[in-house]
PDB file of all heavy atoms in Angstrom:
ATOM      1  N   SER A   1       0.829  -1.162   0.014  1.00  0.00           N
ATOM      2  CA  SER A   1       0.030   0.015  -0.012  1.00  0.00           C
ATOM      3  C   SER A   1       0.914   1.198   0.022  1.00  0.00           C
ATOM      4  O   SER A   1       2.111   1.177   0.264  1.00  0.00           O
ATOM      5  CB  SER A   1      -0.910   0.000   1.216  1.00  0.00           C
ATOM      6  OG  SER A   1      -0.199  -0.021   2.420  1.00  0.00           O
ATOM      7  N   ARG A   2       0.288   2.385  -0.344  1.00  0.00           N
ATOM      8  CA  ARG A   2       1.048   3.599  -0.331  1.00  0.00           C
ATOM      9  C   ARG A   2       0.230   4.752   0.172  1.00  0.00           C
ATOM     10  O   ARG A   2      -0.988   4.738   0.018  1.00  0.00           O
ATOM     11  CB  ARG A   2       1.639   3.896  -1.748  1.00  0.00           C
ATOM     12  CG  ARG A   2       0.670   4.126  -2.781  1.00  0.00           C
ATOM     13  CD  ARG A   2       1.272   4.197  -4.177  1.00  0.00           C
ATOM     14  NE  ARG A   2       2.078   5.396  -4.375  1.00  0.00           N
ATOM     15  CZ  ARG A   2       2.819   5.689  -5.429  1.00  0.00           C
ATOM     16  NH1 ARG A   2       2.854   4.763  -6.447  1.00  0.00           N
ATOM     17  NH2 ARG A   2       3.514   6.808  -5.521  1.00  0.00           N
ATOM     18  N   ASP A   3       0.906   5.688   0.746  1.00  0.00           N
ATOM     19  CA  ASP A   3       0.269   6.929   1.215  1.00  0.00           C
ATOM     20  C   ASP A   3       1.022   8.052   0.505  1.00  0.00           C
ATOM     21  O   ASP A   3       2.082   8.481   0.812  1.00  0.00           O
ATOM     22  CB  ASP A   3       0.432   7.093   2.746  1.00  0.00           C
ATOM     23  CG  ASP A   3      -0.246   8.259   3.219  1.00  0.00           C
ATOM     24  OD1 ASP A   3      -0.433   9.297   2.572  1.00  0.00           O
ATOM     25  OD2 ASP A   3      -0.689   8.258   4.450  1.00  0.00           O
ATOM     26  N   ASN A   4       0.348   8.551  -0.599  1.00  0.00           N
ATOM     27  CA  ASN A   4       0.984   9.552  -1.463  1.00  0.00           C
ATOM     28  C   ASN A   4       1.263  10.889  -0.683  1.00  0.00           C
ATOM     29  O   ASN A   4       2.274  11.541  -0.924  1.00  0.00           O
ATOM     30  CB  ASN A   4       0.111   9.835  -2.710  1.00  0.00           C
ATOM     31  CG  ASN A   4       0.092   8.678  -3.649  1.00  0.00           C
ATOM     32  OD1 ASN A   4       1.068   7.879  -3.707  1.00  0.00           O
ATOM     33  ND2 ASN A   4      -0.980   8.473  -4.347  1.00  0.00           N
ATOM     34  N   ALA A   5       0.354  11.190   0.219  1.00  0.00           N
ATOM     35  CA  ALA A   5       0.516  12.470   0.947  1.00  0.00           C
ATOM     36  C   ALA A   5       1.740  12.380   1.862  1.00  0.00           C
ATOM     37  O   ALA A   5       2.494  13.411   2.013  1.00  0.00           O
ATOM     38  CB  ALA A   5      -0.726  12.758   1.786  1.00  0.00           C
ATOM     39  N   LYS A   6       2.017  11.191   2.455  1.00  0.00           N
ATOM     40  CA  LYS A   6       3.094  10.994   3.330  1.00  0.00           C
ATOM     41  C   LYS A   6       4.362  10.494   2.605  1.00  0.00           C
ATOM     42  O   LYS A   6       5.432  10.363   3.186  1.00  0.00           O
ATOM     43  CB  LYS A   6       2.731  10.080   4.462  1.00  0.00           C
ATOM     44  CG  LYS A   6       1.681  10.560   5.427  1.00  0.00           C
ATOM     45  CD  LYS A   6       1.437   9.568   6.518  1.00  0.00           C
ATOM     46  CE  LYS A   6       0.335  10.089   7.458  1.00  0.00           C
ATOM     47  NZ  LYS A   6       0.057   9.122   8.626  1.00  0.00           N
ATOM     48  N   LYS A   7       4.123  10.231   1.314  1.00  0.00           N
ATOM     49  CA  LYS A   7       5.308   9.751   0.519  1.00  0.00           C
ATOM     50  C   LYS A   7       5.901   8.452   1.132  1.00  0.00           C
ATOM     51  O   LYS A   7       7.095   8.334   1.283  1.00  0.00           O
ATOM     52  CB  LYS A   7       6.417  10.856   0.361  1.00  0.00           C
ATOM     53  CG  LYS A   7       5.846  12.144  -0.183  1.00  0.00           C
ATOM     54  CD  LYS A   7       6.941  13.225  -0.235  1.00  0.00           C
ATOM     55  CE  LYS A   7       6.374  14.562  -0.772  1.00  0.00           C
ATOM     56  NZ  LYS A   7       7.416  15.671  -0.754  1.00  0.00           N
ATOM     57  N   MET A   8       4.965   7.547   1.477  1.00  0.00           N
ATOM     58  CA  MET A   8       5.321   6.303   2.088  1.00  0.00           C
ATOM     59  C   MET A   8       4.765   5.197   1.284  1.00  0.00           C
ATOM     60  O   MET A   8       3.705   5.243   0.668  1.00  0.00           O
ATOM     61  CB  MET A   8       4.758   6.216   3.488  1.00  0.00           C
ATOM     62  CG  MET A   8       5.227   7.314   4.408  1.00  0.00           C
ATOM     63  SD  MET A   8       6.930   7.035   4.990  1.00  0.00           S
ATOM     64  CE  MET A   8       6.722   5.465   5.982  1.00  0.00           C
ATOM     65  N   VAL A   9       5.440   3.993   1.348  1.00  0.00           N
ATOM     66  CA  VAL A   9       4.913   2.800   0.833  1.00  0.00           C
ATOM     67  C   VAL A   9       5.137   1.733   1.864  1.00  0.00           C
ATOM     68  O   VAL A   9       6.141   1.744   2.618  1.00  0.00           O
ATOM     69  CB  VAL A   9       5.622   2.423  -0.518  1.00  0.00           C
ATOM     70  CG1 VAL A   9       7.074   2.116  -0.374  1.00  0.00           C
ATOM     71  CG2 VAL A   9       4.856   1.241  -1.124  1.00  0.00           C
ATOM     72  N   TYR A  10       4.165   0.823   1.991  1.00  0.00           N
ATOM     73  CA  TYR A  10       4.245  -0.234   3.062  1.00  0.00           C
ATOM     74  C   TYR A  10       4.146  -1.618   2.455  1.00  0.00           C
ATOM     75  O   TYR A  10       3.536  -1.825   1.411  1.00  0.00           O
ATOM     76  CB  TYR A  10       3.067   0.013   4.072  1.00  0.00           C
ATOM     77  CG  TYR A  10       2.979   1.418   4.594  1.00  0.00           C
ATOM     78  CD1 TYR A  10       2.114   2.374   4.003  1.00  0.00           C
ATOM     79  CD2 TYR A  10       3.769   1.780   5.630  1.00  0.00           C
ATOM     80  CE1 TYR A  10       2.032   3.609   4.496  1.00  0.00           C
ATOM     81  CE2 TYR A  10       3.684   3.084   6.138  1.00  0.00           C
ATOM     82  CZ  TYR A  10       2.830   4.042   5.570  1.00  0.00           C
ATOM     83  OH  TYR A  10       2.750   5.273   6.060  1.00  0.00           O
ATOM     84  N   LEU A  11       4.633  -2.554   3.200  1.00  0.00           N
ATOM     85  CA  LEU A  11       4.423  -3.940   2.836  1.00  0.00           C
ATOM     86  C   LEU A  11       3.997  -4.740   4.131  1.00  0.00           C
ATOM     87  O   LEU A  11       4.818  -4.864   5.027  1.00  0.00           O
ATOM     88  CB  LEU A  11       5.748  -4.535   2.261  1.00  0.00           C
ATOM     89  CG  LEU A  11       5.521  -6.009   1.733  1.00  0.00           C
ATOM     90  CD1 LEU A  11       4.618  -6.050   0.550  1.00  0.00           C
ATOM     91  CD2 LEU A  11       6.890  -6.610   1.448  1.00  0.00           C
ATOM     92  N   GLN A  12       2.720  -5.099   4.197  1.00  0.00           N
ATOM     93  CA  GLN A  12       2.215  -5.898   5.311  1.00  0.00           C
ATOM     94  C   GLN A  12       2.466  -7.341   4.905  1.00  0.00           C
ATOM     95  O   GLN A  12       1.982  -7.814   3.928  1.00  0.00           O
ATOM     96  CB  GLN A  12       0.747  -5.579   5.487  1.00  0.00           C
ATOM     97  CG  GLN A  12       0.183  -6.480   6.658  1.00  0.00           C
ATOM     98  CD  GLN A  12       0.733  -6.126   7.998  1.00  0.00           C
ATOM     99  OE1 GLN A  12       0.851  -4.938   8.337  1.00  0.00           O
ATOM    100  NE2 GLN A  12       1.037  -7.179   8.785  1.00  0.00           N
ATOM    101  N   MET A  13       3.208  -8.041   5.784  1.00  0.00           N
ATOM    102  CA  MET A  13       3.622  -9.393   5.538  1.00  0.00           C
ATOM    103  C   MET A  13       2.987 -10.355   6.601  1.00  0.00           C
ATOM    104  O   MET A  13       3.308 -10.174   7.768  1.00  0.00           O
ATOM    105  CB  MET A  13       5.091  -9.559   5.520  1.00  0.00           C
ATOM    106  CG  MET A  13       5.801  -8.686   4.479  1.00  0.00           C
ATOM    107  SD  MET A  13       7.588  -8.985   4.314  1.00  0.00           S
ATOM    108  CE  MET A  13       8.095  -8.495   5.977  1.00  0.00           C
ATOM    109  N   ASN A  14       2.050 -11.213   6.201  1.00  0.00           N
ATOM    110  CA  ASN A  14       1.451 -12.100   7.112  1.00  0.00           C
ATOM    111  C   ASN A  14       1.763 -13.554   6.756  1.00  0.00           C
ATOM    112  O   ASN A  14       2.275 -13.817   5.689  1.00  0.00           O
ATOM    113  CB  ASN A  14      -0.081 -11.961   7.088  1.00  0.00           C
ATOM    114  CG  ASN A  14      -0.489 -10.561   7.488  1.00  0.00           C
ATOM    115  OD1 ASN A  14       0.076  -9.894   8.324  1.00  0.00           O
ATOM    116  ND2 ASN A  14      -1.599 -10.074   6.869  1.00  0.00           N
ATOM    117  N   SER A  15       1.583 -14.432   7.753  1.00  0.00           N
ATOM    118  CA  SER A  15       1.789 -15.854   7.540  1.00  0.00           C
ATOM    119  C   SER A  15       3.193 -16.101   6.968  1.00  0.00           C
ATOM    120  O   SER A  15       3.430 -16.808   5.963  1.00  0.00           O
ATOM    121  CB  SER A  15       0.735 -16.495   6.518  1.00  0.00           C
ATOM    122  OG  SER A  15      -0.490 -16.274   7.063  1.00  0.00           O
ATOM    123  N   LEU A  16       4.122 -15.437   7.610  1.00  0.00           N
ATOM    124  CA  LEU A  16       5.583 -15.491   7.105  1.00  0.00           C
ATOM    125  C   LEU A  16       6.103 -16.906   7.186  1.00  0.00           C
ATOM    126  O   LEU A  16       5.764 -17.715   8.138  1.00  0.00           O
ATOM    127  CB  LEU A  16       6.448 -14.535   7.823  1.00  0.00           C
ATOM    128  CG  LEU A  16       6.229 -13.084   7.446  1.00  0.00           C
ATOM    129  CD1 LEU A  16       6.713 -12.050   8.485  1.00  0.00           C
ATOM    130  CD2 LEU A  16       6.961 -12.854   6.134  1.00  0.00           C
ATOM    131  N   LYS A  17       6.917 -17.190   6.226  1.00  0.00           N
ATOM    132  CA  LYS A  17       7.605 -18.519   6.072  1.00  0.00           C
ATOM    133  C   LYS A  17       9.111 -18.359   6.069  1.00  0.00           C
ATOM    134  O   LYS A  17       9.604 -17.300   5.745  1.00  0.00           O
ATOM    135  CB  LYS A  17       7.182 -19.125   4.723  1.00  0.00           C
ATOM    136  CG  LYS A  17       5.686 -19.269   4.571  1.00  0.00           C
ATOM    137  CD  LYS A  17       5.391 -19.852   3.135  1.00  0.00           C
ATOM    138  CE  LYS A  17       3.864 -19.993   2.898  1.00  0.00           C
ATOM    139  NZ  LYS A  17       3.603 -20.537   1.567  1.00  0.00           N
ATOM    140  N   PRO A  18       9.794 -19.407   6.500  1.00  0.00           N
ATOM    141  CA  PRO A  18      11.275 -19.301   6.486  1.00  0.00           C
ATOM    142  C   PRO A  18      11.843 -18.900   5.087  1.00  0.00           C
ATOM    143  O   PRO A  18      12.838 -18.248   5.062  1.00  0.00           O
ATOM    144  CB  PRO A  18      11.689 -20.757   6.916  1.00  0.00           C
ATOM    145  CG  PRO A  18      10.535 -21.258   7.708  1.00  0.00           C
ATOM    146  CD  PRO A  18       9.329 -20.695   7.144  1.00  0.00           C
ATOM    147  N   GLU A  19      11.191 -19.329   4.057  1.00  0.00           N
ATOM    148  CA  GLU A  19      11.591 -18.911   2.724  1.00  0.00           C
ATOM    149  C   GLU A  19      11.434 -17.483   2.390  1.00  0.00           C
ATOM    150  O   GLU A  19      11.930 -16.984   1.333  1.00  0.00           O
ATOM    151  CB  GLU A  19      10.980 -19.785   1.668  1.00  0.00           C
ATOM    152  CG  GLU A  19       9.538 -19.928   1.790  1.00  0.00           C
ATOM    153  CD  GLU A  19       9.000 -21.164   2.473  1.00  0.00           C
ATOM    154  OE1 GLU A  19       9.547 -21.495   3.514  1.00  0.00           O
ATOM    155  OE2 GLU A  19       8.003 -21.783   1.930  1.00  0.00           O
ATOM    156  N   ASP A  20      10.738 -16.746   3.262  1.00  0.00           N
ATOM    157  CA  ASP A  20      10.630 -15.306   3.098  1.00  0.00           C
ATOM    158  C   ASP A  20      11.847 -14.575   3.637  1.00  0.00           C
ATOM    159  O   ASP A  20      11.970 -13.302   3.410  1.00  0.00           O
ATOM    160  CB  ASP A  20       9.415 -14.790   3.811  1.00  0.00           C
ATOM    161  CG  ASP A  20       8.125 -15.307   3.202  1.00  0.00           C
ATOM    162  OD1 ASP A  20       7.990 -15.334   1.899  1.00  0.00           O
ATOM    163  OD2 ASP A  20       7.195 -15.674   3.984  1.00  0.00           O
ATOM    164  N   THR A  21      12.753 -15.233   4.281  1.00  0.00           N
ATOM    165  CA  THR A  21      14.010 -14.680   4.846  1.00  0.00           C
ATOM    166  C   THR A  21      14.744 -14.034   3.673  1.00  0.00           C
ATOM    167  O   THR A  21      15.159 -14.734   2.744  1.00  0.00           O
ATOM    168  CB  THR A  21      14.772 -15.683   5.558  1.00  0.00           C
ATOM    169  OG1 THR A  21      14.018 -16.160   6.750  1.00  0.00           O
ATOM    170  CG2 THR A  21      16.146 -15.087   6.047  1.00  0.00           C
ATOM    171  N   ALA A  22      15.162 -12.780   3.829  1.00  0.00           N
ATOM    172  CA  ALA A  22      15.904 -12.086   2.822  1.00  0.00           C
ATOM    173  C   ALA A  22      16.081 -10.668   3.257  1.00  0.00           C
ATOM    174  O   ALA A  22      15.494 -10.216   4.277  1.00  0.00           O
ATOM    175  CB  ALA A  22      15.093 -12.086   1.499  1.00  0.00           C
ATOM    176  N   VAL A  23      16.900  -9.913   2.476  1.00  0.00           N
ATOM    177  CA  VAL A  23      16.990  -8.503   2.684  1.00  0.00           C
ATOM    178  C   VAL A  23      15.899  -7.869   1.755  1.00  0.00           C
ATOM    179  O   VAL A  23      15.925  -8.211   0.583  1.00  0.00           O
ATOM    180  CB  VAL A  23      18.353  -7.956   2.271  1.00  0.00           C
ATOM    181  CG1 VAL A  23      18.392  -6.428   2.422  1.00  0.00           C
ATOM    182  CG2 VAL A  23      19.466  -8.539   3.189  1.00  0.00           C
ATOM    183  N   TYR A  24      15.071  -7.039   2.257  1.00  0.00           N
ATOM    184  CA  TYR A  24      14.018  -6.406   1.519  1.00  0.00           C
ATOM    185  C   TYR A  24      14.423  -5.039   1.155  1.00  0.00           C
ATOM    186  O   TYR A  24      14.837  -4.210   2.030  1.00  0.00           O
ATOM    187  CB  TYR A  24      12.664  -6.446   2.317  1.00  0.00           C
ATOM    188  CG  TYR A  24      12.061  -7.847   2.337  1.00  0.00           C
ATOM    189  CD1 TYR A  24      12.652  -8.857   3.019  1.00  0.00           C
ATOM    190  CD2 TYR A  24      10.913  -8.096   1.603  1.00  0.00           C
ATOM    191  CE1 TYR A  24      12.107 -10.177   3.026  1.00  0.00           C
ATOM    192  CE2 TYR A  24      10.357  -9.320   1.632  1.00  0.00           C
ATOM    193  CZ  TYR A  24      10.939 -10.356   2.312  1.00  0.00           C
ATOM    194  OH  TYR A  24      10.361 -11.626   2.343  1.00  0.00           O
ATOM    195  N   TYR A  25      14.279  -4.644  -0.124  1.00  0.00           N
ATOM    196  CA  TYR A  25      14.611  -3.396  -0.610  1.00  0.00           C
ATOM    197  C   TYR A  25      13.392  -2.622  -1.167  1.00  0.00           C
ATOM    198  O   TYR A  25      12.556  -3.239  -1.937  1.00  0.00           O
ATOM    199  CB  TYR A  25      15.632  -3.499  -1.789  1.00  0.00           C
ATOM    200  CG  TYR A  25      16.926  -4.075  -1.437  1.00  0.00           C
ATOM    201  CD1 TYR A  25      17.155  -5.473  -1.485  1.00  0.00           C
ATOM    202  CD2 TYR A  25      17.997  -3.357  -1.007  1.00  0.00           C
ATOM    203  CE1 TYR A  25      18.344  -6.034  -1.149  1.00  0.00           C
ATOM    204  CE2 TYR A  25      19.202  -3.863  -0.705  1.00  0.00           C
ATOM    205  CZ  TYR A  25      19.404  -5.214  -0.710  1.00  0.00           C
ATOM    206  OH  TYR A  25      20.611  -5.804  -0.358  1.00  0.00           O
ATOM    207  N   CYS A  26      13.307  -1.372  -0.814  1.00  0.00           N
ATOM    208  CA  CYS A  26      12.322  -0.518  -1.422  1.00  0.00           C
ATOM    209  C   CYS A  26      12.872   0.047  -2.734  1.00  0.00           C
ATOM    210  O   CYS A  26      14.014   0.282  -2.843  1.00  0.00           O
ATOM    211  CB  CYS A  26      11.992   0.641  -0.417  1.00  0.00           C
ATOM    212  SG  CYS A  26      10.790   1.795  -0.967  1.00  0.00           S
ATOM    213  N   ASN A  27      11.920   0.136  -3.681  1.00  0.00           N
ATOM    214  CA  ASN A  27      12.277   0.643  -5.059  1.00  0.00           C
ATOM    215  C   ASN A  27      11.273   1.638  -5.468  1.00  0.00           C
ATOM    216  O   ASN A  27      10.103   1.529  -5.226  1.00  0.00           O
ATOM    217  CB  ASN A  27      12.403  -0.589  -5.951  1.00  0.00           C
ATOM    218  CG  ASN A  27      12.413  -0.174  -7.397  1.00  0.00           C
ATOM    219  OD1 ASN A  27      11.397   0.009  -8.044  1.00  0.00           O
ATOM    220  ND2 ASN A  27      13.602  -0.089  -7.980  1.00  0.00           N
ATOM    221  N   CYS A  28      11.747   2.538  -6.292  1.00  0.00           N
ATOM    222  CA  CYS A  28      10.815   3.406  -6.981  1.00  0.00           C
ATOM    223  C   CYS A  28      11.309   3.696  -8.380  1.00  0.00           C
ATOM    224  O   CYS A  28      12.514   3.628  -8.681  1.00  0.00           O
ATOM    225  CB  CYS A  28      10.452   4.697  -6.221  1.00  0.00           C
ATOM    226  SG  CYS A  28      11.728   5.960  -6.363  1.00  0.00           S
ATOM    227  N   ILE A  29      10.385   4.046  -9.284  1.00  0.00           N
ATOM    228  CA  ILE A  29      10.732   4.518 -10.670  1.00  0.00           C
ATOM    229  C   ILE A  29      10.324   5.922 -10.787  1.00  0.00           C
ATOM    230  O   ILE A  29       9.174   6.270 -10.603  1.00  0.00           O
ATOM    231  CB  ILE A  29      10.013   3.681 -11.715  1.00  0.00           C
ATOM    232  CG1 ILE A  29      10.358   2.171 -11.539  1.00  0.00           C
ATOM    233  CG2 ILE A  29      10.415   4.225 -13.137  1.00  0.00           C
ATOM    234  CD1 ILE A  29       9.575   1.268 -12.443  1.00  0.00           C
ATOM    235  N   SER A  30      11.284   6.871 -11.120  1.00  0.00           N
ATOM    236  CA  SER A  30      11.087   8.207 -11.271  1.00  0.00           C
ATOM    237  C   SER A  30      11.828   8.776 -12.404  1.00  0.00           C
ATOM    238  O   SER A  30      13.049   8.508 -12.459  1.00  0.00           O
ATOM    239  CB  SER A  30      11.405   8.954  -9.889  1.00  0.00           C
ATOM    240  OG  SER A  30      11.326  10.339 -10.065  1.00  0.00           O
ATOM    241  N   SER A  31      11.181   9.441 -13.338  1.00  0.00           N
ATOM    242  CA  SER A  31      11.859   9.975 -14.471  1.00  0.00           C
ATOM    243  C   SER A  31      12.689   8.887 -15.144  1.00  0.00           C
ATOM    244  O   SER A  31      13.845   9.163 -15.546  1.00  0.00           O
ATOM    245  CB  SER A  31      12.707  11.188 -14.045  1.00  0.00           C
ATOM    246  OG  SER A  31      11.971  12.256 -13.521  1.00  0.00           O
ATOM    247  N   TRP A  32      12.067   7.798 -15.349  1.00  0.00           N
ATOM    248  CA  TRP A  32      12.629   6.590 -16.000  1.00  0.00           C
ATOM    249  C   TRP A  32      13.942   6.053 -15.366  1.00  0.00           C
ATOM    250  O   TRP A  32      14.606   5.251 -15.965  1.00  0.00           O
ATOM    251  CB  TRP A  32      12.990   6.972 -17.466  1.00  0.00           C
ATOM    252  CG  TRP A  32      11.830   7.382 -18.225  1.00  0.00           C
ATOM    253  CD1 TRP A  32      10.818   6.644 -18.719  1.00  0.00           C
ATOM    254  CD2 TRP A  32      11.369   8.775 -18.468  1.00  0.00           C
ATOM    255  NE1 TRP A  32       9.879   7.444 -19.343  1.00  0.00           N
ATOM    256  CE2 TRP A  32      10.215   8.724 -19.235  1.00  0.00           C
ATOM    257  CE3 TRP A  32      11.948  10.007 -18.195  1.00  0.00           C
ATOM    258  CZ2 TRP A  32       9.525   9.864 -19.631  1.00  0.00           C
ATOM    259  CZ3 TRP A  32      11.314  11.162 -18.618  1.00  0.00           C
ATOM    260  CH2 TRP A  32      10.097  11.056 -19.363  1.00  0.00           C
ATOM    261  N   ARG A  33      14.126   6.388 -14.099  1.00  0.00           N
ATOM    262  CA  ARG A  33      15.264   5.807 -13.353  1.00  0.00           C
ATOM    263  C   ARG A  33      14.744   5.004 -12.153  1.00  0.00           C
ATOM    264  O   ARG A  33      13.720   5.331 -11.598  1.00  0.00           O
ATOM    265  CB  ARG A  33      16.141   6.955 -12.862  1.00  0.00           C
ATOM    266  CG  ARG A  33      16.984   7.665 -13.933  1.00  0.00           C
ATOM    267  CD  ARG A  33      17.861   8.660 -13.249  1.00  0.00           C
ATOM    268  NE  ARG A  33      18.822   7.986 -12.302  1.00  0.00           N
ATOM    269  CZ  ARG A  33      19.723   8.684 -11.676  1.00  0.00           C
ATOM    270  NH1 ARG A  33      19.779   9.963 -11.675  1.00  0.00           N
ATOM    271  NH2 ARG A  33      20.548   8.049 -10.858  1.00  0.00           N
ATOM    272  N   HIS A  34      15.475   4.043 -11.848  1.00  0.00           N
ATOM    273  CA  HIS A  34      15.255   3.148 -10.671  1.00  0.00           C
ATOM    274  C   HIS A  34      16.027   3.684  -9.490  1.00  0.00           C
ATOM    275  O   HIS A  34      17.273   3.941  -9.565  1.00  0.00           O
ATOM    276  CB  HIS A  34      15.565   1.725 -10.869  1.00  0.00           C
ATOM    277  CG  HIS A  34      14.539   0.945 -11.706  1.00  0.00           C
ATOM    278  ND1 HIS A  34      13.593   0.202 -11.080  1.00  0.00           N
ATOM    279  CD2 HIS A  34      14.399   0.840 -13.030  1.00  0.00           C
ATOM    280  CE1 HIS A  34      12.823  -0.367 -12.016  1.00  0.00           C
ATOM    281  NE2 HIS A  34      13.228   0.007 -13.176  1.00  0.00           N
ATOM    282  N   TYR A  35      15.383   3.767  -8.338  1.00  0.00           N
ATOM    283  CA  TYR A  35      16.068   4.175  -7.100  1.00  0.00           C
ATOM    284  C   TYR A  35      15.875   3.028  -6.094  1.00  0.00           C
ATOM    285  O   TYR A  35      14.800   2.375  -6.046  1.00  0.00           O
ATOM    286  CB  TYR A  35      15.534   5.503  -6.578  1.00  0.00           C
ATOM    287  CG  TYR A  35      15.856   6.644  -7.436  1.00  0.00           C
ATOM    288  CD1 TYR A  35      14.958   7.034  -8.439  1.00  0.00           C
ATOM    289  CD2 TYR A  35      17.022   7.436  -7.271  1.00  0.00           C
ATOM    290  CE1 TYR A  35      15.217   8.098  -9.295  1.00  0.00           C
ATOM    291  CE2 TYR A  35      17.302   8.501  -8.097  1.00  0.00           C
ATOM    292  CZ  TYR A  35      16.429   8.833  -9.097  1.00  0.00           C
ATOM    293  OH  TYR A  35      16.735   9.950  -9.926  1.00  0.00           O
ATOM    294  N   TRP A  36      16.864   2.885  -5.232  1.00  0.00           N
ATOM    295  CA  TRP A  36      16.842   1.821  -4.162  1.00  0.00           C
ATOM    296  C   TRP A  36      17.103   2.316  -2.823  1.00  0.00           C
ATOM    297  O   TRP A  36      17.946   3.217  -2.647  1.00  0.00           O
ATOM    298  CB  TRP A  36      17.797   0.714  -4.576  1.00  0.00           C
ATOM    299  CG  TRP A  36      17.509   0.050  -5.890  1.00  0.00           C
ATOM    300  CD1 TRP A  36      18.057   0.388  -7.131  1.00  0.00           C
ATOM    301  CD2 TRP A  36      16.710  -1.120  -6.115  1.00  0.00           C
ATOM    302  NE1 TRP A  36      17.592  -0.439  -8.060  1.00  0.00           N
ATOM    303  CE2 TRP A  36      16.733  -1.372  -7.528  1.00  0.00           C
ATOM    304  CE3 TRP A  36      15.962  -1.855  -5.279  1.00  0.00           C
ATOM    305  CZ2 TRP A  36      16.099  -2.451  -8.094  1.00  0.00           C
ATOM    306  CZ3 TRP A  36      15.295  -2.979  -5.851  1.00  0.00           C
ATOM    307  CH2 TRP A  36      15.287  -3.192  -7.238  1.00  0.00           C
TER     308      TRP A  36
END
């Protein structure tokens, strides 16, 4: 989900499994460029 006014994006993760273990990165596309 995202809150455009607050310039935030969220990821609610439920029923997590061991295979979900990882480093999670936020990403956006702006002016045809990727940011991390």
